[in-house]
PDB file of N, CA and C in Angstrom:
ATOM      1  N   MET A   1       0.827  -1.101   0.004  1.00  0.00           N
ATOM      2  CA  MET A   1       0.018   0.031  -0.037  1.00  0.00           C
ATOM      3  C   MET A   1       0.864   1.246  -0.019  1.00  0.00           C
ATOM      4  N   ALA A   2       0.569   2.060  -0.973  1.00  0.00           N
ATOM      5  CA  ALA A   2       1.441   3.334  -1.043  1.00  0.00           C
ATOM      6  C   ALA A   2       0.841   4.363  -0.065  1.00  0.00           C
ATOM      7  N   CYS A   3       1.624   5.198   0.365  1.00  0.00           N
ATOM      8  CA  CYS A   3       1.244   6.325   1.242  1.00  0.00           C
ATOM      9  C   CYS A   3       0.376   7.251   0.547  1.00  0.00           C
ATOM     10  N   GLN A   4      -0.844   7.586   0.907  1.00  0.00           N
ATOM     11  CA  GLN A   4      -1.722   8.508   0.041  1.00  0.00           C
ATOM     12  C   GLN A   4      -2.030   9.597   1.037  1.00  0.00           C
ATOM     13  N   THR A   5      -2.081  10.784   0.299  1.00  0.00           N
ATOM     14  CA  THR A   5      -2.289  11.877   1.038  1.00  0.00           C
ATOM     15  C   THR A   5      -3.864  12.072   1.135  1.00  0.00           C
ATOM     16  N   ALA A   6      -4.329  12.817   2.089  1.00  0.00           N
ATOM     17  CA  ALA A   6      -5.640  13.144   2.427  1.00  0.00           C
ATOM     18  C   ALA A   6      -6.304  13.587   0.978  1.00  0.00           C
ATOM     19  N   GLU A   7      -5.581  14.505   0.365  1.00  0.00           N
ATOM     20  CA  GLU A   7      -6.113  15.002  -0.878  1.00  0.00           C
ATOM     21  C   GLU A   7      -6.450  13.935  -1.880  1.00  0.00           C
ATOM     22  N   ASP A   8      -5.539  12.950  -1.999  1.00  0.00           N
ATOM     23  CA  ASP A   8      -5.712  11.861  -2.899  1.00  0.00           C
ATOM     24  C   ASP A   8      -6.842  11.029  -2.488  1.00  0.00           C
ATOM     25  N   LEU A   9      -7.103  10.756  -1.245  1.00  0.00           N
ATOM     26  CA  LEU A   9      -8.178   9.906  -0.649  1.00  0.00           C
ATOM     27  C   LEU A   9      -9.575  10.649  -0.889  1.00  0.00           C
ATOM     28  N   ARG A  10      -9.529  12.046  -0.723  1.00  0.00           N
ATOM     29  CA  ARG A  10     -10.708  12.832  -1.021  1.00  0.00           C
ATOM     30  C   ARG A  10     -11.248  12.691  -2.555  1.00  0.00           C
ATOM     31  N   ARG A  11     -10.357  12.427  -3.405  1.00  0.00           N
ATOM     32  CA  ARG A  11     -10.747  12.273  -4.769  1.00  0.00           C
ATOM     33  C   ARG A  11     -11.493  11.072  -5.189  1.00  0.00           C
ATOM     34  N   LEU A  12     -11.518   9.967  -4.181  1.00  0.00           N
ATOM     35  CA  LEU A  12     -11.984   8.668  -4.356  1.00  0.00           C
ATOM     36  C   LEU A  12     -13.541   8.777  -4.398  1.00  0.00           C
ATOM     37  N   ASP A  13     -14.120   8.052  -5.172  1.00  0.00           N
ATOM     38  CA  ASP A  13     -15.691   7.899  -5.081  1.00  0.00           C
ATOM     39  C   ASP A  13     -16.029   6.882  -3.805  1.00  0.00           C
ATOM     40  N   GLU A  14     -17.323   6.783  -3.642  1.00  0.00           N
ATOM     41  CA  GLU A  14     -17.747   5.968  -2.507  1.00  0.00           C
ATOM     42  C   GLU A  14     -17.430   4.538  -2.673  1.00  0.00           C
ATOM     43  N   SER A  15     -17.496   3.942  -3.726  1.00  0.00           N
ATOM     44  CA  SER A  15     -17.193   2.589  -3.744  1.00  0.00           C
ATOM     45  C   SER A  15     -15.684   2.259  -3.678  1.00  0.00           C
ATOM     46  N   LYS A  16     -14.929   3.166  -4.211  1.00  0.00           N
ATOM     47  CA  LYS A  16     -13.416   3.037  -3.959  1.00  0.00           C
ATOM     48  C   LYS A  16     -12.928   3.257  -2.729  1.00  0.00           C
ATOM     49  N   LEU A  17     -13.646   4.237  -1.946  1.00  0.00           N
ATOM     50  CA  LEU A  17     -13.261   4.507  -0.525  1.00  0.00           C
ATOM     51  C   LEU A  17     -13.693   3.258   0.328  1.00  0.00           C
ATOM     52  N   ASP A  18     -14.841   2.665   0.153  1.00  0.00           N
ATOM     53  CA  ASP A  18     -15.226   1.532   0.861  1.00  0.00           C
ATOM     54  C   ASP A  18     -14.200   0.366   0.504  1.00  0.00           C
ATOM     55  N   HIS A  19     -13.811   0.203  -0.651  1.00  0.00           N
ATOM     56  CA  HIS A  19     -12.802  -0.704  -1.044  1.00  0.00           C
ATOM     57  C   HIS A  19     -11.502  -0.512  -0.203  1.00  0.00           C
ATOM     58  N   GLU A  20     -11.068   0.745  -0.271  1.00  0.00           N
ATOM     59  CA  GLU A  20      -9.888   0.971   0.564  1.00  0.00           C
ATOM     60  C   GLU A  20     -10.016   0.696   1.993  1.00  0.00           C
ATOM     61  N   ILE A  21     -11.195   0.877   2.637  1.00  0.00           N
ATOM     62  CA  ILE A  21     -11.356   0.653   3.908  1.00  0.00           C
ATOM     63  C   ILE A  21     -11.381  -0.867   4.217  1.00  0.00           C
ATOM     64  N   ASN A  22     -12.037  -1.565   3.396  1.00  0.00           N
ATOM     65  CA  ASN A  22     -11.895  -3.191   3.475  1.00  0.00           C
ATOM     66  C   ASN A  22     -10.497  -3.555   3.364  1.00  0.00           C
ATOM     67  N   GLU A  23      -9.757  -3.053   2.464  1.00  0.00           N
ATOM     68  CA  GLU A  23      -8.311  -3.442   2.269  1.00  0.00           C
ATOM     69  C   GLU A  23      -7.405  -3.092   3.440  1.00  0.00           C
ATOM     70  N   ALA A  24      -7.705  -1.918   4.080  1.00  0.00           N
ATOM     71  CA  ALA A  24      -7.103  -1.515   5.347  1.00  0.00           C
ATOM     72  C   ALA A  24      -7.280  -2.567   6.382  1.00  0.00           C
ATOM     73  N   TYR A  25      -8.518  -2.793   6.568  1.00  0.00           N
ATOM     74  CA  TYR A  25      -8.873  -3.792   7.642  1.00  0.00           C
ATOM     75  C   TYR A  25      -8.272  -5.266   7.283  1.00  0.00           C
ATOM     76  N   ARG A  26      -8.163  -5.630   6.080  1.00  0.00           N
ATOM     77  CA  ARG A  26      -7.510  -7.004   5.800  1.00  0.00           C
ATOM     78  C   ARG A  26      -5.966  -6.796   6.181  1.00  0.00           C
ATOM     79  N   ALA A  27      -5.353  -5.616   5.885  1.00  0.00           N
ATOM     80  CA  ALA A  27      -3.983  -5.448   6.074  1.00  0.00           C
ATOM     81  C   ALA A  27      -3.720  -5.456   7.597  1.00  0.00           C
ATOM     82  N   LEU A  28      -4.620  -4.724   8.358  1.00  0.00           N
ATOM     83  CA  LEU A  28      -4.476  -4.810   9.844  1.00  0.00           C
ATOM     84  C   LEU A  28      -4.604  -6.187  10.437  1.00  0.00           C
ATOM     85  N   PHE A  29      -5.547  -7.063   9.936  1.00  0.00           N
ATOM     86  CA  PHE A  29      -5.680  -8.371  10.380  1.00  0.00           C
ATOM     87  C   PHE A  29      -4.415  -9.138  10.033  1.00  0.00           C
ATOM     88  N   THR A  30      -3.876  -8.998   8.925  1.00  0.00           N
ATOM     89  CA  THR A  30      -2.698  -9.670   8.472  1.00  0.00           C
ATOM     90  C   THR A  30      -1.463  -9.366   9.354  1.00  0.00           C
ATOM     91  N   HIS A  31      -1.285  -7.885   9.586  1.00  0.00           N
ATOM     92  CA  HIS A  31      -0.348  -7.530  10.562  1.00  0.00           C
ATOM     93  C   HIS A  31      -0.482  -8.029  11.911  1.00  0.00           C
ATOM     94  N   ARG A  32      -1.678  -8.028  12.403  1.00  0.00           N
ATOM     95  CA  ARG A  32      -1.931  -8.708  13.836  1.00  0.00           C
ATOM     96  C   ARG A  32      -1.525 -10.000  13.912  1.00  0.00           C
ATOM     97  N   PHE A  33      -1.898 -10.892  12.861  1.00  0.00           N
ATOM     98  CA  PHE A  33      -1.615 -12.328  12.715  1.00  0.00           C
ATOM     99  C   PHE A  33      -0.091 -12.486  12.759  1.00  0.00           C
ATOM    100  N   GLN A  34       0.456 -11.747  11.873  1.00  0.00           N
ATOM    101  CA  GLN A  34       2.055 -11.816  11.840  1.00  0.00           C
ATOM    102  C   GLN A  34       2.701 -11.555  13.178  1.00  0.00           C
ATOM    103  N   HIS A  35       2.165 -10.518  13.919  1.00  0.00           N
ATOM    104  CA  HIS A  35       2.706 -10.089  15.147  1.00  0.00           C
ATOM    105  C   HIS A  35       2.548 -11.193  16.206  1.00  0.00           C
ATOM    106  N   ALA A  36       1.326 -11.749  16.068  1.00  0.00           N
ATOM    107  CA  ALA A  36       0.960 -12.882  17.094  1.00  0.00           C
ATOM    108  C   ALA A  36       1.969 -14.081  16.828  1.00  0.00           C
ATOM    109  N   SER A  37       2.240 -14.328  15.625  1.00  0.00           N
ATOM    110  CA  SER A  37       3.130 -15.512  15.281  1.00  0.00           C
ATOM    111  C   SER A  37       4.634 -15.172  15.242  1.00  0.00           C
ATOM    112  N   ARG A  38       4.880 -13.941  15.637  1.00  0.00           N
ATOM    113  CA  ARG A  38       6.263 -13.369  15.643  1.00  0.00           C
ATOM    114  C   ARG A  38       6.910 -13.320  14.251  1.00  0.00           C
ATOM    115  N   GLN A  39       6.201 -13.187  13.201  1.00  0.00           N
ATOM    116  CA  GLN A  39       6.605 -12.982  11.935  1.00  0.00           C
ATOM    117  C   GLN A  39       6.710 -11.620  11.357  1.00  0.00           C
ATOM    118  N   LEU A  40       6.142 -10.563  12.035  1.00  0.00           N
ATOM    119  CA  LEU A  40       6.179  -9.226  11.653  1.00  0.00           C
ATOM    120  C   LEU A  40       7.443  -8.604  11.843  1.00  0.00           C
ATOM    121  N   GLN A  41       8.039  -8.134  10.761  1.00  0.00           N
ATOM    122  CA  GLN A  41       9.364  -7.539  10.827  1.00  0.00           C
ATOM    123  C   GLN A  41       9.445  -6.036  11.213  1.00  0.00           C
ATOM    124  N   ASN A  42       8.387  -5.317  10.745  1.00  0.00           N
ATOM    125  CA  ASN A  42       8.305  -3.807  11.195  1.00  0.00           C
ATOM    126  C   ASN A  42       7.052  -3.550  12.001  1.00  0.00           C
ATOM    127  N   TYR A  43       7.213  -3.439  13.208  1.00  0.00           N
ATOM    128  CA  TYR A  43       6.013  -3.080  14.068  1.00  0.00           C
ATOM    129  C   TYR A  43       5.360  -1.889  13.902  1.00  0.00           C
ATOM    130  N   ARG A  44       5.966  -0.853  12.992  1.00  0.00           N
ATOM    131  CA  ARG A  44       5.195   0.234  12.630  1.00  0.00           C
ATOM    132  C   ARG A  44       4.198   0.096  11.899  1.00  0.00           C
ATOM    133  N   GLU A  45       4.004  -1.080  11.102  1.00  0.00           N
ATOM    134  CA  GLU A  45       3.094  -1.243  10.069  1.00  0.00           C
ATOM    135  C   GLU A  45       1.763  -1.375  10.926  1.00  0.00           C
ATOM    136  N   LEU A  46       1.649  -1.896  12.119  1.00  0.00           N
ATOM    137  CA  LEU A  46       0.537  -2.029  12.880  1.00  0.00           C
ATOM    138  C   LEU A  46      -0.114  -0.614  13.184  1.00  0.00           C
ATOM    139  N   ARG A  47       0.779   0.323  13.514  1.00  0.00           N
ATOM    140  CA  ARG A  47       0.278   1.692  13.815  1.00  0.00           C
ATOM    141  C   ARG A  47      -0.097   2.431  12.500  1.00  0.00           C
ATOM    142  N   ASN A  48       0.651   2.149  11.418  1.00  0.00           N
ATOM    143  CA  ASN A  48       0.221   2.829  10.199  1.00  0.00           C
ATOM    144  C   ASN A  48      -1.126   2.224   9.655  1.00  0.00           C
ATOM    145  N   ALA A  49      -1.287   0.936   9.755  1.00  0.00           N
ATOM    146  CA  ALA A  49      -2.638   0.395   9.369  1.00  0.00           C
ATOM    147  C   ALA A  49      -3.790   0.975  10.169  1.00  0.00           C
ATOM    148  N   LYS A  50      -3.592   1.079  11.430  1.00  0.00           N
ATOM    149  CA  LYS A  50      -4.696   1.681  12.408  1.00  0.00           C
ATOM    150  C   LYS A  50      -4.989   3.058  11.882  1.00  0.00           C
ATOM    151  N   ARG A  51      -3.845   3.934  11.650  1.00  0.00           N
ATOM    152  CA  ARG A  51      -4.120   5.281  11.221  1.00  0.00           C
ATOM    153  C   ARG A  51      -4.661   5.414   9.939  1.00  0.00           C
ATOM    154  N   LYS A  52      -4.339   4.542   9.013  1.00  0.00           N
ATOM    155  CA  LYS A  52      -5.064   4.530   7.672  1.00  0.00           C
ATOM    156  C   LYS A  52      -6.496   4.458   7.700  1.00  0.00           C
ATOM    157  N   ILE A  53      -6.821   3.352   8.605  1.00  0.00           N
ATOM    158  CA  ILE A  53      -8.265   3.051   8.806  1.00  0.00           C
ATOM    159  C   ILE A  53      -8.999   4.341   9.459  1.00  0.00           C
ATOM    160  N   ALA A  54      -8.415   4.845  10.417  1.00  0.00           N
ATOM    161  CA  ALA A  54      -8.889   6.243  11.084  1.00  0.00           C
ATOM    162  C   ALA A  54      -9.099   7.201  10.040  1.00  0.00           C
ATOM    163  N   ARG A  55      -8.095   7.394   9.214  1.00  0.00           N
ATOM    164  CA  ARG A  55      -8.153   8.470   8.244  1.00  0.00           C
ATOM    165  C   ARG A  55      -9.298   8.151   7.072  1.00  0.00           C
ATOM    166  N   LEU A  56      -9.488   6.897   6.631  1.00  0.00           N
ATOM    167  CA  LEU A  56     -10.420   6.634   5.690  1.00  0.00           C
ATOM    168  C   LEU A  56     -11.854   6.805   6.303  1.00  0.00           C
ATOM    169  N   ARG A  57     -12.042   6.249   7.730  1.00  0.00           N
ATOM    170  CA  ARG A  57     -13.333   6.326   8.223  1.00  0.00           C
ATOM    171  C   ARG A  57     -13.757   7.796   8.610  1.00  0.00           C
ATOM    172  N   THR A  58     -12.667   8.673   8.771  1.00  0.00           N
ATOM    173  CA  THR A  58     -12.925  10.170   8.998  1.00  0.00           C
ATOM    174  C   THR A  58     -13.559  10.652   7.774  1.00  0.00           C
ATOM    175  N   LEU A  59     -12.890  10.300   6.573  1.00  0.00           N
ATOM    176  CA  LEU A  59     -13.299  10.836   5.290  1.00  0.00           C
ATOM    177  C   LEU A  59     -14.778  10.450   5.082  1.00  0.00           C
ATOM    178  N   LYS A  60     -15.051   9.102   5.319  1.00  0.00           N
ATOM    179  CA  LYS A  60     -16.383   8.645   5.121  1.00  0.00           C
ATOM    180  C   LYS A  60     -17.369   9.362   5.960  1.00  0.00           C
ATOM    181  N   ARG A  61     -17.054   9.670   7.227  1.00  0.00           N
ATOM    182  CA  ARG A  61     -17.963  10.395   8.068  1.00  0.00           C
ATOM    183  C   ARG A  61     -18.109  11.842   7.555  1.00  0.00           C
ATOM    184  N   GLU A  62     -17.188  12.444   7.113  1.00  0.00           N
ATOM    185  CA  GLU A  62     -17.376  13.724   6.726  1.00  0.00           C
ATOM    186  C   GLU A  62     -18.251  13.831   5.493  1.00  0.00           C
ATOM    187  N   ARG A  63     -18.144  12.817   4.653  1.00  0.00           N
ATOM    188  CA  ARG A  63     -19.055  12.788   3.554  1.00  0.00           C
ATOM    189  C   ARG A  63     -20.440  12.601   3.908  1.00  0.00           C
ATOM    190  N   GLN A  64     -20.730  11.691   4.984  1.00  0.00           N
ATOM    191  CA  GLN A  64     -22.023  11.501   5.488  1.00  0.00           C
ATOM    192  C   GLN A  64     -22.590  12.825   6.188  1.00  0.00           C
ATOM    193  N   ILE A  65     -21.766  13.502   6.793  1.00  0.00           N
ATOM    194  CA  ILE A  65     -22.390  14.777   7.484  1.00  0.00           C
ATOM    195  C   ILE A  65     -22.572  15.818   6.458  1.00  0.00           C
ATOM    196  N   GLU A  66     -21.762  15.811   5.363  1.00  0.00           N
ATOM    197  CA  GLU A  66     -21.969  16.761   4.315  1.00  0.00           C
ATOM    198  C   GLU A  66     -23.394  16.536   3.596  1.00  0.00           C
ATOM    199  N   ALA A  67     -23.581  15.280   3.525  1.00  0.00           N
ATOM    200  CA  ALA A  67     -24.943  14.792   2.777  1.00  0.00           C
ATOM    201  C   ALA A  67     -25.996  15.085   3.564  1.00  0.00           C
ATOM    202  N   ILE A  68     -25.938  15.059   4.951  1.00  0.00           N
ATOM    203  CA  ILE A  68     -27.070  15.326   5.885  1.00  0.00           C
ATOM    204  C   ILE A  68     -27.335  16.845   5.931  1.00  0.00           C
ATOM    205  N   LEU A  69     -26.225  17.701   5.967  1.00  0.00           N
ATOM    206  CA  LEU A  69     -26.366  19.048   5.986  1.00  0.00           C
ATOM    207  C   LEU A  69     -26.862  19.627   4.671  1.00  0.00           C
ATOM    208  N   GLY A  70     -26.494  18.894   3.492  1.00  0.00           N
ATOM    209  CA  GLY A  70     -26.878  19.310   2.240  1.00  0.00           C
ATOM    210  C   GLY A  70     -28.454  19.072   2.033  1.00  0.00           C
ATOM    211  N   GLU A  71     -28.982  18.227   2.657  1.00  0.00           N
ATOM    212  CA  GLU A  71     -30.456  17.902   2.547  1.00  0.00           C
ATOM    213  C   GLU A  71     -31.297  19.079   3.224  1.00  0.00           C
ATOM    214  N   GLU A  72     -30.745  19.740   4.275  1.00  0.00           N
ATOM    215  CA  GLU A  72     -31.516  20.519   5.109  1.00  0.00           C
ATOM    216  C   GLU A  72     -31.661  21.848   4.472  1.00  0.00           C
TER     217      GLU A  72
END
């Protein structure tokens, strides 16, 4: 997974954003499994995966709030 800026992520449409979230959760699961089995080489990957998930979920929530406020 390449490091993407928030600006790059904001350009994604809803389906691609959902796909990125799913892929980030899969990566986190893989990193946790590797950590538990002592195969994880770089422990920062766990933190980076969590941060990417938080970043993506924040963008998704911002879009939901904009949609709600746009209806009013």
